[in-house]
Amino acid sequence: MTKTELTKAVAQRTGLTNKDAAAALDAALDIVSQTLAAGGRVQLTGFGTFQTRERAAHVGRNLSTGEPVDVPAHRMVQFKPGKLLKDRVNPDAEPEDA
């Protein structure tokens, strides 16, 4: 699904115009991005949690040549799906505490 398709789906479900749905989606994504850039986390109950984590510097490999490459330390975005999302994606899965 593309951003345009998501915008149209939001507009259809909410009764908003495509323009208003696009503005709302852009605002929500901008807020999530700003929060993560500031080192915060965004928890959407039932859907999941977005947060950043530090990745240490390490030596990687150039897949084409096999040469070692120094990869600097950096922050990366991590997403942990919530229980409701996991259950919706895998409806036939066994419960985790069984």
PDB file of N, CA and C in Angstrom:
ATOM      1  N   MET A   1       0.852  -1.179   0.000  1.00  0.00           N
ATOM      2  CA  MET A   1       0.000   0.000   0.000  1.00  0.00           C
ATOM      3  C   MET A   1       0.892   1.234   0.000  1.00  0.00           C
ATOM      4  N   THR A   2       0.577   2.161  -0.868  1.00  0.00           N
ATOM      5  CA  THR A   2       1.339   3.405  -0.950  1.00  0.00           C
ATOM      6  C   THR A   2       0.693   4.465  -0.045  1.00  0.00           C
ATOM      7  N   LYS A   3       1.395   5.570   0.119  1.00  0.00           N
ATOM      8  CA  LYS A   3       0.860   6.653   0.939  1.00  0.00           C
ATOM      9  C   LYS A   3      -0.438   7.193   0.329  1.00  0.00           C
ATOM     10  N   THR A   4      -0.491   7.290  -0.982  1.00  0.00           N
ATOM     11  CA  THR A   4      -1.704   7.757  -1.659  1.00  0.00           C
ATOM     12  C   THR A   4      -2.873   6.817  -1.404  1.00  0.00           C
ATOM     13  N   GLU A   5      -2.625   5.516  -1.485  1.00  0.00           N
ATOM     14  CA  GLU A   5      -3.676   4.535  -1.226  1.00  0.00           C
ATOM     15  C   GLU A   5      -4.133   4.608   0.227  1.00  0.00           C
ATOM     16  N   LEU A   6      -3.186   4.794   1.145  1.00  0.00           N
ATOM     17  CA  LEU A   6      -3.530   4.927   2.559  1.00  0.00           C
ATOM     18  C   LEU A   6      -4.370   6.179   2.787  1.00  0.00           C
ATOM     19  N   THR A   7      -3.989   7.274   2.157  1.00  0.00           N
ATOM     20  CA  THR A   7      -4.745   8.521   2.283  1.00  0.00           C
ATOM     21  C   THR A   7      -6.178   8.336   1.800  1.00  0.00           C
ATOM     22  N   LYS A   8      -6.348   7.677   0.662  1.00  0.00           N
ATOM     23  CA  LYS A   8      -7.698   7.436   0.128  1.00  0.00           C
ATOM     24  C   LYS A   8      -8.510   6.545   1.059  1.00  0.00           C
ATOM     25  N   ALA A   9      -7.868   5.525   1.639  1.00  0.00           N
ATOM     26  CA  ALA A   9      -8.569   4.622   2.560  1.00  0.00           C
ATOM     27  C   ALA A   9      -8.998   5.364   3.819  1.00  0.00           C
ATOM     28  N   VAL A  10      -8.135   6.227   4.340  1.00  0.00           N
ATOM     29  CA  VAL A  10      -8.476   7.023   5.528  1.00  0.00           C
ATOM     30  C   VAL A  10      -9.637   7.955   5.199  1.00  0.00           C
ATOM     31  N   ALA A  11      -9.582   8.595   4.048  1.00  0.00           N
ATOM     32  CA  ALA A  11     -10.665   9.500   3.645  1.00  0.00           C
ATOM     33  C   ALA A  11     -11.988   8.752   3.538  1.00  0.00           C
ATOM     34  N   GLN A  12     -11.944   7.569   2.969  1.00  0.00           N
ATOM     35  CA  GLN A  12     -13.161   6.779   2.799  1.00  0.00           C
ATOM     36  C   GLN A  12     -13.740   6.345   4.141  1.00  0.00           C
ATOM     37  N   ARG A  13     -12.877   5.904   5.058  1.00  0.00           N
ATOM     38  CA  ARG A  13     -13.362   5.426   6.369  1.00  0.00           C
ATOM     39  C   ARG A  13     -13.860   6.542   7.267  1.00  0.00           C
ATOM     40  N   THR A  14     -13.245   7.728   7.158  1.00  0.00           N
ATOM     41  CA  THR A  14     -13.575   8.804   8.086  1.00  0.00           C
ATOM     42  C   THR A  14     -14.571   9.809   7.527  1.00  0.00           C
ATOM     43  N   GLY A  15     -14.766   9.789   6.213  1.00  0.00           N
ATOM     44  CA  GLY A  15     -15.646  10.781   5.612  1.00  0.00           C
ATOM     45  C   GLY A  15     -14.944  12.096   5.346  1.00  0.00           C
ATOM     46  N   LEU A  16     -13.629  12.144   5.572  1.00  0.00           N
ATOM     47  CA  LEU A  16     -12.862  13.346   5.268  1.00  0.00           C
ATOM     48  C   LEU A  16     -12.626  13.424   3.764  1.00  0.00           C
ATOM     49  N   THR A  17     -12.296  14.611   3.296  1.00  0.00           N
ATOM     50  CA  THR A  17     -11.889  14.731   1.897  1.00  0.00           C
ATOM     51  C   THR A  17     -10.478  14.146   1.774  1.00  0.00           C
ATOM     52  N   ASN A  18     -10.090  13.809   0.544  1.00  0.00           N
ATOM     53  CA  ASN A  18      -8.736  13.297   0.329  1.00  0.00           C
ATOM     54  C   ASN A  18      -7.696  14.309   0.800  1.00  0.00           C
ATOM     55  N   LYS A  19      -7.965  15.587   0.578  1.00  0.00           N
ATOM     56  CA  LYS A  19      -7.035  16.648   0.979  1.00  0.00           C
ATOM     57  C   LYS A  19      -6.896  16.693   2.504  1.00  0.00           C
ATOM     58  N   ASP A  20      -8.014  16.619   3.218  1.00  0.00           N
ATOM     59  CA  ASP A  20      -7.971  16.651   4.684  1.00  0.00           C
ATOM     60  C   ASP A  20      -7.319  15.388   5.247  1.00  0.00           C
ATOM     61  N   ALA A  21      -7.615  14.241   4.651  1.00  0.00           N
ATOM     62  CA  ALA A  21      -7.001  12.989   5.103  1.00  0.00           C
ATOM     63  C   ALA A  21      -5.498  13.023   4.878  1.00  0.00           C
ATOM     64  N   ALA A  22      -5.064  13.572   3.738  1.00  0.00           N
ATOM     65  CA  ALA A  22      -3.632  13.686   3.440  1.00  0.00           C
ATOM     66  C   ALA A  22      -2.956  14.612   4.454  1.00  0.00           C
ATOM     67  N   ALA A  23      -3.621  15.718   4.799  1.00  0.00           N
ATOM     68  CA  ALA A  23      -3.059  16.652   5.774  1.00  0.00           C
ATOM     69  C   ALA A  23      -2.944  15.998   7.148  1.00  0.00           C
ATOM     70  N   ALA A  24      -3.960  15.235   7.549  1.00  0.00           N
ATOM     71  CA  ALA A  24      -3.930  14.554   8.839  1.00  0.00           C
ATOM     72  C   ALA A  24      -2.833  13.490   8.867  1.00  0.00           C
ATOM     73  N   LEU A  25      -2.714  12.717   7.801  1.00  0.00           N
ATOM     74  CA  LEU A  25      -1.684  11.684   7.725  1.00  0.00           C
ATOM     75  C   LEU A  25      -0.293  12.308   7.739  1.00  0.00           C
ATOM     76  N   ASP A  26      -0.099  13.375   6.971  1.00  0.00           N
ATOM     77  CA  ASP A  26       1.198  14.064   6.949  1.00  0.00           C
ATOM     78  C   ASP A  26       1.555  14.603   8.336  1.00  0.00           C
ATOM     79  N   ALA A  27       0.572  15.167   9.021  1.00  0.00           N
ATOM     80  CA  ALA A  27       0.817  15.704  10.361  1.00  0.00           C
ATOM     81  C   ALA A  27       1.195  14.588  11.328  1.00  0.00           C
ATOM     82  N   ALA A  28       0.476  13.472  11.269  1.00  0.00           N
ATOM     83  CA  ALA A  28       0.768  12.355  12.172  1.00  0.00           C
ATOM     84  C   ALA A  28       2.163  11.804  11.914  1.00  0.00           C
ATOM     85  N   LEU A  29       2.523  11.615  10.655  1.00  0.00           N
ATOM     86  CA  LEU A  29       3.849  11.087  10.329  1.00  0.00           C
ATOM     87  C   LEU A  29       4.952  12.060  10.715  1.00  0.00           C
ATOM     88  N   ASP A  30       4.685  13.356  10.563  1.00  0.00           N
ATOM     89  CA  ASP A  30       5.668  14.369  10.951  1.00  0.00           C
ATOM     90  C   ASP A  30       5.889  14.360  12.464  1.00  0.00           C
ATOM     91  N   ILE A  31       4.823  14.211  13.234  1.00  0.00           N
ATOM     92  CA  ILE A  31       4.933  14.159  14.694  1.00  0.00           C
ATOM     93  C   ILE A  31       5.711  12.925  15.127  1.00  0.00           C
ATOM     94  N   VAL A  32       5.425  11.775  14.507  1.00  0.00           N
ATOM     95  CA  VAL A  32       6.156  10.548  14.824  1.00  0.00           C
ATOM     96  C   VAL A  32       7.640  10.738  14.507  1.00  0.00           C
ATOM     97  N   SER A  33       7.945  11.300  13.339  1.00  0.00           N
ATOM     98  CA  SER A  33       9.332  11.517  12.932  1.00  0.00           C
ATOM     99  C   SER A  33      10.060  12.449  13.882  1.00  0.00           C
ATOM    100  N   GLN A  34       9.429  13.542  14.262  1.00  0.00           N
ATOM    101  CA  GLN A  34      10.047  14.507  15.178  1.00  0.00           C
ATOM    102  C   GLN A  34      10.288  13.879  16.546  1.00  0.00           C
ATOM    103  N   THR A  35       9.333  13.102  17.019  1.00  0.00           N
ATOM    104  CA  THR A  35       9.475  12.454  18.327  1.00  0.00           C
ATOM    105  C   THR A  35      10.644  11.486  18.322  1.00  0.00           C
ATOM    106  N   LEU A  36      10.760  10.681  17.262  1.00  0.00           N
ATOM    107  CA  LEU A  36      11.865   9.724  17.157  1.00  0.00           C
ATOM    108  C   LEU A  36      13.200  10.439  17.009  1.00  0.00           C
ATOM    109  N   ALA A  37      13.238  11.521  16.236  1.00  0.00           N
ATOM    110  CA  ALA A  37      14.473  12.276  16.046  1.00  0.00           C
ATOM    111  C   ALA A  37      14.947  12.880  17.364  1.00  0.00           C
ATOM    112  N   ALA A  38      14.010  13.199  18.250  1.00  0.00           N
ATOM    113  CA  ALA A  38      14.353  13.769  19.557  1.00  0.00           C
ATOM    114  C   ALA A  38      14.703  12.688  20.575  1.00  0.00           C
ATOM    115  N   GLY A  39      14.677  11.431  20.161  1.00  0.00           N
ATOM    116  CA  GLY A  39      15.028  10.338  21.056  1.00  0.00           C
ATOM    117  C   GLY A  39      13.860   9.751  21.814  1.00  0.00           C
ATOM    118  N   GLY A  40      12.643  10.187  21.507  1.00  0.00           N
ATOM    119  CA  GLY A  40      11.462   9.674  22.191  1.00  0.00           C
ATOM    120  C   GLY A  40      10.954   8.394  21.562  1.00  0.00           C
ATOM    121  N   ARG A  41       9.836   7.921  22.075  1.00  0.00           N
ATOM    122  CA  ARG A  41       9.202   6.740  21.515  1.00  0.00           C
ATOM    123  C   ARG A  41       7.727   7.017  21.317  1.00  0.00           C
ATOM    124  N   VAL A  42       7.128   6.320  20.372  1.00  0.00           N
ATOM    125  CA  VAL A  42       5.714   6.491  20.060  1.00  0.00           C
ATOM    126  C   VAL A  42       5.050   5.142  20.242  1.00  0.00           C
ATOM    127  N   GLN A  43       4.126   5.080  21.201  1.00  0.00           N
ATOM    128  CA  GLN A  43       3.425   3.830  21.495  1.00  0.00           C
ATOM    129  C   GLN A  43       1.968   3.972  21.083  1.00  0.00           C
ATOM    130  N   LEU A  44       1.560   3.146  20.125  1.00  0.00           N
ATOM    131  CA  LEU A  44       0.180   3.122  19.660  1.00  0.00           C
ATOM    132  C   LEU A  44      -0.432   1.823  20.154  1.00  0.00           C
ATOM    133  N   THR A  45      -1.206   1.893  21.223  1.00  0.00           N
ATOM    134  CA  THR A  45      -1.754   0.714  21.871  1.00  0.00           C
ATOM    135  C   THR A  45      -2.494  -0.160  20.869  1.00  0.00           C
ATOM    136  N   GLY A  46      -2.155  -1.437  20.876  1.00  0.00           N
ATOM    137  CA  GLY A  46      -2.766  -2.393  19.969  1.00  0.00           C
ATOM    138  C   GLY A  46      -2.050  -2.496  18.637  1.00  0.00           C
ATOM    139  N   PHE A  47      -1.356  -1.451  18.232  1.00  0.00           N
ATOM    140  CA  PHE A  47      -0.642  -1.471  16.957  1.00  0.00           C
ATOM    141  C   PHE A  47       0.829  -1.779  17.153  1.00  0.00           C
ATOM    142  N   GLY A  48       1.508  -0.975  17.980  1.00  0.00           N
ATOM    143  CA  GLY A  48       2.918  -1.236  18.225  1.00  0.00           C
ATOM    144  C   GLY A  48       3.644  -0.007  18.738  1.00  0.00           C
ATOM    145  N   THR A  49       4.959  -0.154  18.895  1.00  0.00           N
ATOM    146  CA  THR A  49       5.793   0.913  19.441  1.00  0.00           C
ATOM    147  C   THR A  49       6.953   1.191  18.493  1.00  0.00           C
ATOM    148  N   PHE A  50       7.148   2.475  18.201  1.00  0.00           N
ATOM    149  CA  PHE A  50       8.295   2.933  17.436  1.00  0.00           C
ATOM    150  C   PHE A  50       9.273   3.549  18.420  1.00  0.00           C
ATOM    151  N   GLN A  51      10.547   3.202  18.304  1.00  0.00           N
ATOM    152  CA  GLN A  51      11.573   3.825  19.135  1.00  0.00           C
ATOM    153  C   GLN A  51      12.902   3.751  18.406  1.00  0.00           C
ATOM    154  N   THR A  52      13.868   4.506  18.894  1.00  0.00           N
ATOM    155  CA  THR A  52      15.201   4.448  18.299  1.00  0.00           C
ATOM    156  C   THR A  52      16.110   3.676  19.231  1.00  0.00           C
ATOM    157  N   ARG A  53      17.152   3.107  18.643  1.00  0.00           N
ATOM    158  CA  ARG A  53      18.164   2.452  19.454  1.00  0.00           C
ATOM    159  C   ARG A  53      19.518   2.733  18.829  1.00  0.00           C
ATOM    160  N   GLU A  54      20.523   2.694  19.673  1.00  0.00           N
ATOM    161  CA  GLU A  54      21.885   2.958  19.223  1.00  0.00           C
ATOM    162  C   GLU A  54      22.483   1.696  18.616  1.00  0.00           C
ATOM    163  N   ARG A  55      23.151   1.840  17.527  1.00  0.00           N
ATOM    164  CA  ARG A  55      23.860   0.732  16.891  1.00  0.00           C
ATOM    165  C   ARG A  55      25.345   1.055  16.970  1.00  0.00           C
ATOM    166  N   ALA A  56      26.126   0.196  17.561  1.00  0.00           N
ATOM    167  CA  ALA A  56      27.554   0.437  17.741  1.00  0.00           C
ATOM    168  C   ALA A  56      28.284   0.394  16.402  1.00  0.00           C
ATOM    169  N   ALA A  57      29.430   1.068  16.354  1.00  0.00           N
ATOM    170  CA  ALA A  57      30.280   1.000  15.165  1.00  0.00           C
ATOM    171  C   ALA A  57      30.773  -0.439  15.016  1.00  0.00           C
ATOM    172  N   HIS A  58      30.888  -0.881  13.779  1.00  0.00           N
ATOM    173  CA  HIS A  58      31.350  -2.237  13.538  1.00  0.00           C
ATOM    174  C   HIS A  58      31.957  -2.342  12.137  1.00  0.00           C
ATOM    175  N   VAL A  59      32.594  -3.447  11.877  1.00  0.00           N
ATOM    176  CA  VAL A  59      33.163  -3.685  10.554  1.00  0.00           C
ATOM    177  C   VAL A  59      32.200  -4.577   9.784  1.00  0.00           C
ATOM    178  N   GLY A  60      31.789  -4.101   8.629  1.00  0.00           N
ATOM    179  CA  GLY A  60      30.908  -4.869   7.764  1.00  0.00           C
ATOM    180  C   GLY A  60      31.682  -5.343   6.550  1.00  0.00           C
ATOM    181  N   ARG A  61      30.985  -5.891   5.583  1.00  0.00           N
ATOM    182  CA  ARG A  61      31.617  -6.377   4.353  1.00  0.00           C
ATOM    183  C   ARG A  61      30.894  -5.792   3.142  1.00  0.00           C
ATOM    184  N   ASN A  62      31.668  -5.378   2.151  1.00  0.00           N
ATOM    185  CA  ASN A  62      31.108  -4.995   0.867  1.00  0.00           C
ATOM    186  C   ASN A  62      30.679  -6.292   0.189  1.00  0.00           C
ATOM    187  N   LEU A  63      29.386  -6.438  -0.087  1.00  0.00           N
ATOM    188  CA  LEU A  63      28.879  -7.691  -0.633  1.00  0.00           C
ATOM    189  C   LEU A  63      29.417  -7.991  -2.031  1.00  0.00           C
ATOM    190  N   SER A  64      29.771  -6.958  -2.768  1.00  0.00           N
ATOM    191  CA  SER A  64      30.292  -7.171  -4.119  1.00  0.00           C
ATOM    192  C   SER A  64      31.737  -7.655  -4.122  1.00  0.00           C
ATOM    193  N   THR A  65      32.554  -7.041  -3.250  1.00  0.00           N
ATOM    194  CA  THR A  65      33.996  -7.335  -3.281  1.00  0.00           C
ATOM    195  C   THR A  65      34.476  -8.169  -2.106  1.00  0.00           C
ATOM    196  N   GLY A  66      33.686  -8.201  -1.040  1.00  0.00           N
ATOM    197  CA  GLY A  66      34.109  -8.923   0.155  1.00  0.00           C
ATOM    198  C   GLY A  66      35.060  -8.130   1.032  1.00  0.00           C
ATOM    199  N   GLU A  67      35.378  -6.896   0.613  1.00  0.00           N
ATOM    200  CA  GLU A  67      36.291  -6.043   1.380  1.00  0.00           C
ATOM    201  C   GLU A  67      35.625  -5.581   2.677  1.00  0.00           C
ATOM    202  N   PRO A  68      36.410  -5.482   3.772  1.00  0.00           N
ATOM    203  CA  PRO A  68      35.852  -4.947   5.018  1.00  0.00           C
ATOM    204  C   PRO A  68      35.534  -3.451   4.876  1.00  0.00           C
ATOM    205  N   VAL A  69      34.442  -3.041   5.495  1.00  0.00           N
ATOM    206  CA  VAL A  69      34.002  -1.645   5.460  1.00  0.00           C
ATOM    207  C   VAL A  69      33.680  -1.220   6.884  1.00  0.00           C
ATOM    208  N   ASP A  70      34.216  -0.062   7.300  1.00  0.00           N
ATOM    209  CA  ASP A  70      33.903   0.467   8.631  1.00  0.00           C
ATOM    210  C   ASP A  70      32.519   1.107   8.595  1.00  0.00           C
ATOM    211  N   VAL A  71      31.627   0.641   9.454  1.00  0.00           N
ATOM    212  CA  VAL A  71      30.281   1.194   9.562  1.00  0.00           C
ATOM    213  C   VAL A  71      30.241   1.996  10.861  1.00  0.00           C
ATOM    214  N   PRO A  72      30.004   3.313  10.777  1.00  0.00           N
ATOM    215  CA  PRO A  72      30.017   4.141  11.990  1.00  0.00           C
ATOM    216  C   PRO A  72      28.811   3.860  12.899  1.00  0.00           C
ATOM    217  N   ALA A  73      28.929   4.262  14.155  1.00  0.00           N
ATOM    218  CA  ALA A  73      27.805   4.148  15.092  1.00  0.00           C
ATOM    219  C   ALA A  73      26.669   5.036  14.598  1.00  0.00           C
ATOM    220  N   HIS A  74      25.438   4.592  14.795  1.00  0.00           N
ATOM    221  CA  HIS A  74      24.284   5.375  14.363  1.00  0.00           C
ATOM    222  C   HIS A  74      23.034   4.929  15.115  1.00  0.00           C
ATOM    223  N   ARG A  75      22.024   5.791  15.045  1.00  0.00           N
ATOM    224  CA  ARG A  75      20.731   5.434  15.625  1.00  0.00           C
ATOM    225  C   ARG A  75      19.861   4.862  14.529  1.00  0.00           C
ATOM    226  N   MET A  76      19.051   3.893  14.906  1.00  0.00           N
ATOM    227  CA  MET A  76      18.131   3.303  13.936  1.00  0.00           C
ATOM    228  C   MET A  76      16.737   3.216  14.552  1.00  0.00           C
ATOM    229  N   VAL A  77      15.739   3.217  13.703  1.00  0.00           N
ATOM    230  CA  VAL A  77      14.354   3.120  14.157  1.00  0.00           C
ATOM    231  C   VAL A  77      13.999   1.652  14.295  1.00  0.00           C
ATOM    232  N   GLN A  78      13.338   1.345  15.390  1.00  0.00           N
ATOM    233  CA  GLN A  78      12.912  -0.023  15.673  1.00  0.00           C
ATOM    234  C   GLN A  78      11.396  -0.004  15.874  1.00  0.00           C
ATOM    235  N   PHE A  79      10.711  -1.002  15.337  1.00  0.00           N
ATOM    236  CA  PHE A  79       9.268  -1.138  15.520  1.00  0.00           C
ATOM    237  C   PHE A  79       8.988  -2.479  16.168  1.00  0.00           C
ATOM    238  N   LYS A  80       8.223  -2.449  17.246  1.00  0.00           N
ATOM    239  CA  LYS A  80       7.808  -3.680  17.910  1.00  0.00           C
ATOM    240  C   LYS A  80       6.291  -3.756  17.801  1.00  0.00           C
ATOM    241  N   PRO A  81       5.772  -4.740  17.069  1.00  0.00           N
ATOM    242  CA  PRO A  81       4.320  -4.828  16.902  1.00  0.00           C
ATOM    243  C   PRO A  81       3.618  -5.166  18.211  1.00  0.00           C
ATOM    244  N   GLY A  82       2.404  -4.627  18.373  1.00  0.00           N
ATOM    245  CA  GLY A  82       1.586  -4.916  19.536  1.00  0.00           C
ATOM    246  C   GLY A  82       0.841  -6.231  19.374  1.00  0.00           C
ATOM    247  N   LYS A  83       0.251  -6.710  20.457  1.00  0.00           N
ATOM    248  CA  LYS A  83      -0.436  -7.995  20.460  1.00  0.00           C
ATOM    249  C   LYS A  83      -1.598  -8.039  19.464  1.00  0.00           C
ATOM    250  N   LEU A  84      -2.403  -6.979  19.409  1.00  0.00           N
ATOM    251  CA  LEU A  84      -3.548  -6.979  18.496  1.00  0.00           C
ATOM    252  C   LEU A  84      -3.096  -7.063  17.038  1.00  0.00           C
ATOM    253  N   LEU A  85      -2.006  -6.365  16.690  1.00  0.00           N
ATOM    254  CA  LEU A  85      -1.487  -6.430  15.328  1.00  0.00           C
ATOM    255  C   LEU A  85      -0.944  -7.821  15.026  1.00  0.00           C
ATOM    256  N   LYS A  86      -0.208  -8.402  15.967  1.00  0.00           N
ATOM    257  CA  LYS A  86       0.317  -9.764  15.772  1.00  0.00           C
ATOM    258  C   LYS A  86      -0.827 -10.751  15.561  1.00  0.00           C
ATOM    259  N   ASP A  87      -1.874 -10.626  16.379  1.00  0.00           N
ATOM    260  CA  ASP A  87      -3.011 -11.543  16.274  1.00  0.00           C
ATOM    261  C   ASP A  87      -3.762 -11.371  14.947  1.00  0.00           C
ATOM    262  N   ARG A  88      -3.835 -10.154  14.457  1.00  0.00           N
ATOM    263  CA  ARG A  88      -4.527  -9.907  13.191  1.00  0.00           C
ATOM    264  C   ARG A  88      -3.717 -10.449  12.007  1.00  0.00           C
ATOM    265  N   VAL A  89      -2.394 -10.326  12.085  1.00  0.00           N
ATOM    266  CA  VAL A  89      -1.531 -10.812  11.004  1.00  0.00           C
ATOM    267  C   VAL A  89      -1.438 -12.332  11.018  1.00  0.00           C
ATOM    268  N   ASN A  90      -1.439 -12.927  12.213  1.00  0.00           N
ATOM    269  CA  ASN A  90      -1.330 -14.381  12.369  1.00  0.00           C
ATOM    270  C   ASN A  90      -2.532 -14.910  13.161  1.00  0.00           C
ATOM    271  N   PRO A  91      -3.718 -14.947  12.554  1.00  0.00           N
ATOM    272  CA  PRO A  91      -4.920 -15.337  13.308  1.00  0.00           C
ATOM    273  C   PRO A  91      -4.906 -16.792  13.778  1.00  0.00           C
ATOM    274  N   ASP A  92      -4.168 -17.655  13.109  1.00  0.00           N
ATOM    275  CA  ASP A  92      -4.151 -19.072  13.474  1.00  0.00           C
ATOM    276  C   ASP A  92      -2.982 -19.453  14.375  1.00  0.00           C
ATOM    277  N   ALA A  93      -2.193 -18.453  14.789  1.00  0.00           N
ATOM    278  CA  ALA A  93      -1.016 -18.737  15.606  1.00  0.00           C
ATOM    279  C   ALA A  93      -1.424 -19.162  17.013  1.00  0.00           C
ATOM    280  N   GLU A  94      -0.598 -20.016  17.593  1.00  0.00           N
ATOM    281  CA  GLU A  94      -0.824 -20.462  18.974  1.00  0.00           C
ATOM    282  C   GLU A  94      -0.540 -19.323  19.935  1.00  0.00           C
ATOM    283  N   PRO A  95      -1.258 -19.210  21.055  1.00  0.00           N
ATOM    284  CA  PRO A  95      -0.938 -18.194  22.059  1.00  0.00           C
ATOM    285  C   PRO A  95       0.468 -18.391  22.587  1.00  0.00           C
ATOM    286  N   GLU A  96       1.146 -17.274  22.895  1.00  0.00           N
ATOM    287  CA  GLU A  96       2.546 -17.329  23.334  1.00  0.00           C
ATOM    288  C   GLU A  96       2.727 -17.996  24.681  1.00  0.00           C
ATOM    289  N   ASP A  97       1.748 -17.882  25.600  1.00  0.00           N
ATOM    290  CA  ASP A  97       1.923 -18.446  26.935  1.00  0.00           C
ATOM    291  C   ASP A  97       1.369 -19.869  27.040  1.00  0.00           C
ATOM    292  N   ALA A  98       1.068 -20.495  25.925  1.00  0.00           N
ATOM    293  CA  ALA A  98       0.533 -21.862  25.972  1.00  0.00           C
ATOM    294  C   ALA A  98       1.644 -22.892  26.125  1.00  0.00           C
TER     295      ALA A  98
END
